[in-house]
Amino acid sequence: LSYIAITIGIIQFLVITIDVIRHPQM
């Protein structure tokens, strides 16, 4: 369960980072 939670967290980090790169904030 802890490995699954860590993997989900890494995936969330990557998705948010890609979104911020594509659509930068003001």
PDB file of all heavy atoms in Angstrom:
ATOM      1  N   LEU A   1       0.818  -1.199   0.000  1.00  0.00           N
ATOM      2  CA  LEU A   1       0.000   0.000   0.000  1.00  0.00           C
ATOM      3  C   LEU A   1       0.863   1.265   0.000  1.00  0.00           C
ATOM      4  O   LEU A   1       0.553   2.237  -0.695  1.00  0.00           O
ATOM      5  CB  LEU A   1      -0.932  -0.006   1.208  1.00  0.00           C
ATOM      6  CG  LEU A   1      -1.923   1.143   1.310  1.00  0.00           C
ATOM      7  CD1 LEU A   1      -2.899   1.100   0.134  1.00  0.00           C
ATOM      8  CD2 LEU A   1      -2.670   1.062   2.624  1.00  0.00           C
ATOM      9  N   SER A   2       1.954   1.248   0.750  1.00  0.00           N
ATOM     10  CA  SER A   2       2.829   2.421   0.785  1.00  0.00           C
ATOM     11  C   SER A   2       3.510   2.643  -0.560  1.00  0.00           C
ATOM     12  O   SER A   2       3.659   3.788  -1.002  1.00  0.00           O
ATOM     13  CB  SER A   2       3.867   2.291   1.894  1.00  0.00           C
ATOM     14  OG  SER A   2       4.755   1.234   1.622  1.00  0.00           O
ATOM     15  N   TYR A   3       3.917   1.563  -1.237  1.00  0.00           N
ATOM     16  CA  TYR A   3       4.508   1.711  -2.570  1.00  0.00           C
ATOM     17  C   TYR A   3       3.493   2.268  -3.570  1.00  0.00           C
ATOM     18  O   TYR A   3       3.833   3.103  -4.404  1.00  0.00           O
ATOM     19  CB  TYR A   3       5.050   0.374  -3.078  1.00  0.00           C
ATOM     20  CG  TYR A   3       6.361  -0.031  -2.447  1.00  0.00           C
ATOM     21  CD1 TYR A   3       6.513  -1.292  -1.885  1.00  0.00           C
ATOM     22  CD2 TYR A   3       7.440   0.834  -2.406  1.00  0.00           C
ATOM     23  CE1 TYR A   3       7.708  -1.675  -1.308  1.00  0.00           C
ATOM     24  CE2 TYR A   3       8.641   0.460  -1.823  1.00  0.00           C
ATOM     25  CZ  TYR A   3       8.770  -0.792  -1.278  1.00  0.00           C
ATOM     26  OH  TYR A   3       9.951  -1.165  -0.717  1.00  0.00           O
ATOM     27  N   ILE A   4       2.266   1.845  -3.457  1.00  0.00           N
ATOM     28  CA  ILE A   4       1.217   2.365  -4.341  1.00  0.00           C
ATOM     29  C   ILE A   4       0.993   3.852  -4.072  1.00  0.00           C
ATOM     30  O   ILE A   4       0.880   4.653  -5.009  1.00  0.00           O
ATOM     31  CB  ILE A   4      -0.094   1.562  -4.154  1.00  0.00           C
ATOM     32  CG1 ILE A   4       0.086   0.141  -4.691  1.00  0.00           C
ATOM     33  CG2 ILE A   4      -1.266   2.252  -4.832  1.00  0.00           C
ATOM     34  CD1 ILE A   4      -1.051  -0.801  -4.350  1.00  0.00           C
ATOM     35  N   ALA A   5       0.955   4.252  -2.811  1.00  0.00           N
ATOM     36  CA  ALA A   5       0.744   5.663  -2.461  1.00  0.00           C
ATOM     37  C   ALA A   5       1.899   6.525  -2.954  1.00  0.00           C
ATOM     38  O   ALA A   5       1.679   7.628  -3.480  1.00  0.00           O
ATOM     39  CB  ALA A   5       0.582   5.804  -0.949  1.00  0.00           C
ATOM     40  N   ILE A   6       3.117   6.047  -2.818  1.00  0.00           N
ATOM     41  CA  ILE A   6       4.284   6.797  -3.300  1.00  0.00           C
ATOM     42  C   ILE A   6       4.247   6.921  -4.813  1.00  0.00           C
ATOM     43  O   ILE A   6       4.531   7.988  -5.370  1.00  0.00           O
ATOM     44  CB  ILE A   6       5.587   6.132  -2.814  1.00  0.00           C
ATOM     45  CG1 ILE A   6       5.724   6.338  -1.307  1.00  0.00           C
ATOM     46  CG2 ILE A   6       6.795   6.701  -3.547  1.00  0.00           C
ATOM     47  CD1 ILE A   6       6.833   5.545  -0.673  1.00  0.00           C
ATOM     48  N   THR A   7       3.880   5.862  -5.495  1.00  0.00           N
ATOM     49  CA  THR A   7       3.790   5.898  -6.958  1.00  0.00           C
ATOM     50  C   THR A   7       2.725   6.893  -7.413  1.00  0.00           C
ATOM     51  O   THR A   7       2.959   7.673  -8.347  1.00  0.00           O
ATOM     52  CB  THR A   7       3.468   4.491  -7.508  1.00  0.00           C
ATOM     53  OG1 THR A   7       4.467   3.572  -7.042  1.00  0.00           O
ATOM     54  CG2 THR A   7       3.432   4.493  -9.014  1.00  0.00           C
ATOM     55  N   ILE A   8       1.587   6.897  -6.759  1.00  0.00           N
ATOM     56  CA  ILE A   8       0.529   7.854  -7.103  1.00  0.00           C
ATOM     57  C   ILE A   8       1.012   9.284  -6.868  1.00  0.00           C
ATOM     58  O   ILE A   8       0.758  10.179  -7.678  1.00  0.00           O
ATOM     59  CB  ILE A   8      -0.758   7.553  -6.309  1.00  0.00           C
ATOM     60  CG1 ILE A   8      -1.380   6.256  -6.809  1.00  0.00           C
ATOM     61  CG2 ILE A   8      -1.753   8.709  -6.405  1.00  0.00           C
ATOM     62  CD1 ILE A   8      -2.531   5.756  -5.977  1.00  0.00           C
ATOM     63  N   GLY A   9       1.725   9.513  -5.786  1.00  0.00           N
ATOM     64  CA  GLY A   9       2.267  10.840  -5.498  1.00  0.00           C
ATOM     65  C   GLY A   9       3.251  11.302  -6.555  1.00  0.00           C
ATOM     66  O   GLY A   9       3.228  12.467  -6.976  1.00  0.00           O
ATOM     67  N   ILE A  10       4.112  10.414  -7.018  1.00  0.00           N
ATOM     68  CA  ILE A  10       5.073  10.761  -8.070  1.00  0.00           C
ATOM     69  C   ILE A  10       4.350  11.074  -9.372  1.00  0.00           C
ATOM     70  O   ILE A  10       4.687  12.036 -10.068  1.00  0.00           O
ATOM     71  CB  ILE A  10       6.103   9.627  -8.245  1.00  0.00           C
ATOM     72  CG1 ILE A  10       7.005   9.556  -7.020  1.00  0.00           C
ATOM     73  CG2 ILE A  10       6.928   9.830  -9.511  1.00  0.00           C
ATOM     74  CD1 ILE A  10       7.899   8.336  -6.979  1.00  0.00           C
ATOM     75  N   ILE A  11       3.331  10.291  -9.687  1.00  0.00           N
ATOM     76  CA  ILE A  11       2.552  10.539 -10.910  1.00  0.00           C
ATOM     77  C   ILE A  11       1.853  11.895 -10.821  1.00  0.00           C
ATOM     78  O   ILE A  11       1.846  12.662 -11.787  1.00  0.00           O
ATOM     79  CB  ILE A  11       1.548   9.395 -11.158  1.00  0.00           C
ATOM     80  CG1 ILE A  11       2.294   8.121 -11.542  1.00  0.00           C
ATOM     81  CG2 ILE A  11       0.540   9.774 -12.234  1.00  0.00           C
ATOM     82  CD1 ILE A  11       1.431   6.881 -11.577  1.00  0.00           C
ATOM     83  N   GLN A  12       1.281  12.219  -9.658  1.00  0.00           N
ATOM     84  CA  GLN A  12       0.628  13.518  -9.482  1.00  0.00           C
ATOM     85  C   GLN A  12       1.631  14.651  -9.663  1.00  0.00           C
ATOM     86  O   GLN A  12       1.336  15.661 -10.307  1.00  0.00           O
ATOM     87  CB  GLN A  12       0.008  13.627  -8.092  1.00  0.00           C
ATOM     88  CG  GLN A  12      -1.240  12.836  -7.909  1.00  0.00           C
ATOM     89  CD  GLN A  12      -1.765  12.938  -6.495  1.00  0.00           C
ATOM     90  OE1 GLN A  12      -1.035  13.271  -5.565  1.00  0.00           O
ATOM     91  NE2 GLN A  12      -3.035  12.645  -6.325  1.00  0.00           N
ATOM     92  N   PHE A  13       2.816  14.500  -9.088  1.00  0.00           N
ATOM     93  CA  PHE A  13       3.856  15.518  -9.221  1.00  0.00           C
ATOM     94  C   PHE A  13       4.217  15.735 -10.684  1.00  0.00           C
ATOM     95  O   PHE A  13       4.314  16.873 -11.147  1.00  0.00           O
ATOM     96  CB  PHE A  13       5.093  15.096  -8.424  1.00  0.00           C
ATOM     97  CG  PHE A  13       6.275  16.005  -8.620  1.00  0.00           C
ATOM     98  CD1 PHE A  13       6.335  17.209  -7.946  1.00  0.00           C
ATOM     99  CD2 PHE A  13       7.306  15.656  -9.464  1.00  0.00           C
ATOM    100  CE1 PHE A  13       7.423  18.060  -8.120  1.00  0.00           C
ATOM    101  CE2 PHE A  13       8.388  16.494  -9.654  1.00  0.00           C
ATOM    102  CZ  PHE A  13       8.451  17.702  -8.968  1.00  0.00           C
ATOM    103  N   LEU A  14       4.370  14.654 -11.436  1.00  0.00           N
ATOM    104  CA  LEU A  14       4.736  14.771 -12.847  1.00  0.00           C
ATOM    105  C   LEU A  14       3.617  15.422 -13.665  1.00  0.00           C
ATOM    106  O   LEU A  14       3.884  16.270 -14.524  1.00  0.00           O
ATOM    107  CB  LEU A  14       5.089  13.400 -13.411  1.00  0.00           C
ATOM    108  CG  LEU A  14       6.370  12.772 -12.866  1.00  0.00           C
ATOM    109  CD1 LEU A  14       6.532  11.357 -13.393  1.00  0.00           C
ATOM    110  CD2 LEU A  14       7.566  13.620 -13.205  1.00  0.00           C
ATOM    111  N   VAL A  15       2.377  15.039 -13.398  1.00  0.00           N
ATOM    112  CA  VAL A  15       1.252  15.620 -14.140  1.00  0.00           C
ATOM    113  C   VAL A  15       1.144  17.116 -13.855  1.00  0.00           C
ATOM    114  O   VAL A  15       0.968  17.923 -14.783  1.00  0.00           O
ATOM    115  CB  VAL A  15      -0.068  14.892 -13.773  1.00  0.00           C
ATOM    116  CG1 VAL A  15      -1.281  15.661 -14.262  1.00  0.00           C
ATOM    117  CG2 VAL A  15      -0.064  13.490 -14.345  1.00  0.00           C
ATOM    118  N   ILE A  16       1.271  17.519 -12.597  1.00  0.00           N
ATOM    119  CA  ILE A  16       1.191  18.941 -12.252  1.00  0.00           C
ATOM    120  C   ILE A  16       2.358  19.705 -12.859  1.00  0.00           C
ATOM    121  O   ILE A  16       2.178  20.806 -13.391  1.00  0.00           O
ATOM    122  CB  ILE A  16       1.134  19.124 -10.725  1.00  0.00           C
ATOM    123  CG1 ILE A  16      -0.199  18.610 -10.204  1.00  0.00           C
ATOM    124  CG2 ILE A  16       1.324  20.592 -10.332  1.00  0.00           C
ATOM    125  CD1 ILE A  16      -0.297  18.555  -8.702  1.00  0.00           C
ATOM    126  N   THR A  17       3.561  19.131 -12.826  1.00  0.00           N
ATOM    127  CA  THR A  17       4.728  19.790 -13.409  1.00  0.00           C
ATOM    128  C   THR A  17       4.564  19.974 -14.910  1.00  0.00           C
ATOM    129  O   THR A  17       4.853  21.052 -15.449  1.00  0.00           O
ATOM    130  CB  THR A  17       6.003  18.985 -13.104  1.00  0.00           C
ATOM    131  OG1 THR A  17       6.134  18.842 -11.683  1.00  0.00           O
ATOM    132  CG2 THR A  17       7.228  19.677 -13.662  1.00  0.00           C
ATOM    133  N   ILE A  18       4.083  18.960 -15.600  1.00  0.00           N
ATOM    134  CA  ILE A  18       3.859  19.073 -17.046  1.00  0.00           C
ATOM    135  C   ILE A  18       2.805  20.134 -17.337  1.00  0.00           C
ATOM    136  O   ILE A  18       2.957  20.936 -18.261  1.00  0.00           O
ATOM    137  CB  ILE A  18       3.465  17.703 -17.638  1.00  0.00           C
ATOM    138  CG1 ILE A  18       4.661  16.766 -17.605  1.00  0.00           C
ATOM    139  CG2 ILE A  18       2.934  17.847 -19.053  1.00  0.00           C
ATOM    140  CD1 ILE A  18       4.332  15.316 -17.916  1.00  0.00           C
ATOM    141  N   ASP A  19       1.743  20.176 -16.540  1.00  0.00           N
ATOM    142  CA  ASP A  19       0.697  21.177 -16.738  1.00  0.00           C
ATOM    143  C   ASP A  19       1.232  22.589 -16.510  1.00  0.00           C
ATOM    144  O   ASP A  19       0.910  23.509 -17.269  1.00  0.00           O
ATOM    145  CB  ASP A  19      -0.478  20.907 -15.806  1.00  0.00           C
ATOM    146  CG  ASP A  19      -1.625  21.870 -16.043  1.00  0.00           C
ATOM    147  OD1 ASP A  19      -2.101  21.940 -17.193  1.00  0.00           O
ATOM    148  OD2 ASP A  19      -2.018  22.554 -15.091  1.00  0.00           O
ATOM    149  N   VAL A  20       2.066  22.768 -15.492  1.00  0.00           N
ATOM    150  CA  VAL A  20       2.629  24.095 -15.214  1.00  0.00           C
ATOM    151  C   VAL A  20       3.582  24.516 -16.337  1.00  0.00           C
ATOM    152  O   VAL A  20       3.626  25.687 -16.698  1.00  0.00           O
ATOM    153  CB  VAL A  20       3.343  24.095 -13.846  1.00  0.00           C
ATOM    154  CG1 VAL A  20       4.220  25.320 -13.666  1.00  0.00           C
ATOM    155  CG2 VAL A  20       2.317  24.026 -12.730  1.00  0.00           C
ATOM    156  N   ILE A  21       4.309  23.572 -16.915  1.00  0.00           N
ATOM    157  CA  ILE A  21       5.203  23.897 -18.031  1.00  0.00           C
ATOM    158  C   ILE A  21       4.389  24.296 -19.257  1.00  0.00           C
ATOM    159  O   ILE A  21       4.737  25.255 -19.959  1.00  0.00           O
ATOM    160  CB  ILE A  21       6.137  22.709 -18.343  1.00  0.00           C
ATOM    161  CG1 ILE A  21       7.151  22.542 -17.213  1.00  0.00           C
ATOM    162  CG2 ILE A  21       6.844  22.909 -19.678  1.00  0.00           C
ATOM    163  CD1 ILE A  21       7.974  21.272 -17.309  1.00  0.00           C
ATOM    164  N   ARG A  22       3.308  23.604 -19.518  1.00  0.00           N
ATOM    165  CA  ARG A  22       2.475  23.913 -20.686  1.00  0.00           C
ATOM    166  C   ARG A  22       1.680  25.198 -20.504  1.00  0.00           C
ATOM    167  O   ARG A  22       1.463  25.950 -21.446  1.00  0.00           O
ATOM    168  CB  ARG A  22       1.508  22.765 -20.967  1.00  0.00           C
ATOM    169  CG  ARG A  22       2.173  21.565 -21.547  1.00  0.00           C
ATOM    170  CD  ARG A  22       1.142  20.533 -21.904  1.00  0.00           C
ATOM    171  NE  ARG A  22       1.788  19.350 -22.466  1.00  0.00           N
ATOM    172  CZ  ARG A  22       1.155  18.238 -22.713  1.00  0.00           C
ATOM    173  NH1 ARG A  22      -0.141  18.134 -22.457  1.00  0.00           N
ATOM    174  NH2 ARG A  22       1.802  17.205 -23.220  1.00  0.00           N
ATOM    175  N   HIS A  23       1.201  25.434 -19.297  1.00  0.00           N
ATOM    176  CA  HIS A  23       0.369  26.610 -19.017  1.00  0.00           C
ATOM    177  C   HIS A  23       0.942  27.340 -17.805  1.00  0.00           C
ATOM    178  O   HIS A  23       0.429  27.192 -16.693  1.00  0.00           O
ATOM    179  CB  HIS A  23      -1.078  26.190 -18.724  1.00  0.00           C
ATOM    180  CG  HIS A  23      -1.674  25.313 -19.764  1.00  0.00           C
ATOM    181  ND1 HIS A  23      -2.072  25.788 -20.983  1.00  0.00           N
ATOM    182  CD2 HIS A  23      -1.922  23.983 -19.768  1.00  0.00           C
ATOM    183  CE1 HIS A  23      -2.546  24.780 -21.705  1.00  0.00           C
ATOM    184  NE2 HIS A  23      -2.462  23.677 -20.983  1.00  0.00           N
ATOM    185  N   PRO A  24       1.984  28.148 -18.017  1.00  0.00           N
ATOM    186  CA  PRO A  24       2.617  28.835 -16.878  1.00  0.00           C
ATOM    187  C   PRO A  24       1.654  29.807 -16.185  1.00  0.00           C
ATOM    188  O   PRO A  24       0.769  30.385 -16.813  1.00  0.00           O
ATOM    189  CB  PRO A  24       3.787  29.598 -17.497  1.00  0.00           C
ATOM    190  CG  PRO A  24       3.839  29.243 -18.930  1.00  0.00           C
ATOM    191  CD  PRO A  24       2.625  28.454 -19.277  1.00  0.00           C
ATOM    192  N   GLN A  25       1.853  29.962 -14.900  1.00  0.00           N
ATOM    193  CA  GLN A  25       1.049  30.886 -14.114  1.00  0.00           C
ATOM    194  C   GLN A  25       1.519  32.324 -14.350  1.00  0.00           C
ATOM    195  O   GLN A  25       2.645  32.546 -14.783  1.00  0.00           O
ATOM    196  CB  GLN A  25       1.182  30.547 -12.626  1.00  0.00           C
ATOM    197  CG  GLN A  25       0.764  29.148 -12.279  1.00  0.00           C
ATOM    198  CD  GLN A  25      -0.717  28.930 -12.446  1.00  0.00           C
ATOM    199  OE1 GLN A  25      -1.516  29.751 -12.024  1.00  0.00           O
ATOM    200  NE2 GLN A  25      -1.096  27.841 -13.070  1.00  0.00           N
ATOM    201  N   MET A  26       0.669  33.297 -14.046  1.00  0.00           N
ATOM    202  CA  MET A  26       1.063  34.697 -14.202  1.00  0.00           C
ATOM    203  C   MET A  26       2.170  35.070 -13.221  1.00  0.00           C
ATOM    204  O   MET A  26       3.081  35.802 -13.557  1.00  0.00           O
ATOM    205  CB  MET A  26      -0.140  35.612 -14.018  1.00  0.00           C
ATOM    206  CG  MET A  26      -1.155  35.503 -15.109  1.00  0.00           C
ATOM    207  SD  MET A  26      -2.510  36.621 -14.766  1.00  0.00           S
ATOM    208  CE  MET A  26      -2.847  37.170 -16.413  1.00  0.00           C
TER     209      MET A  26
END
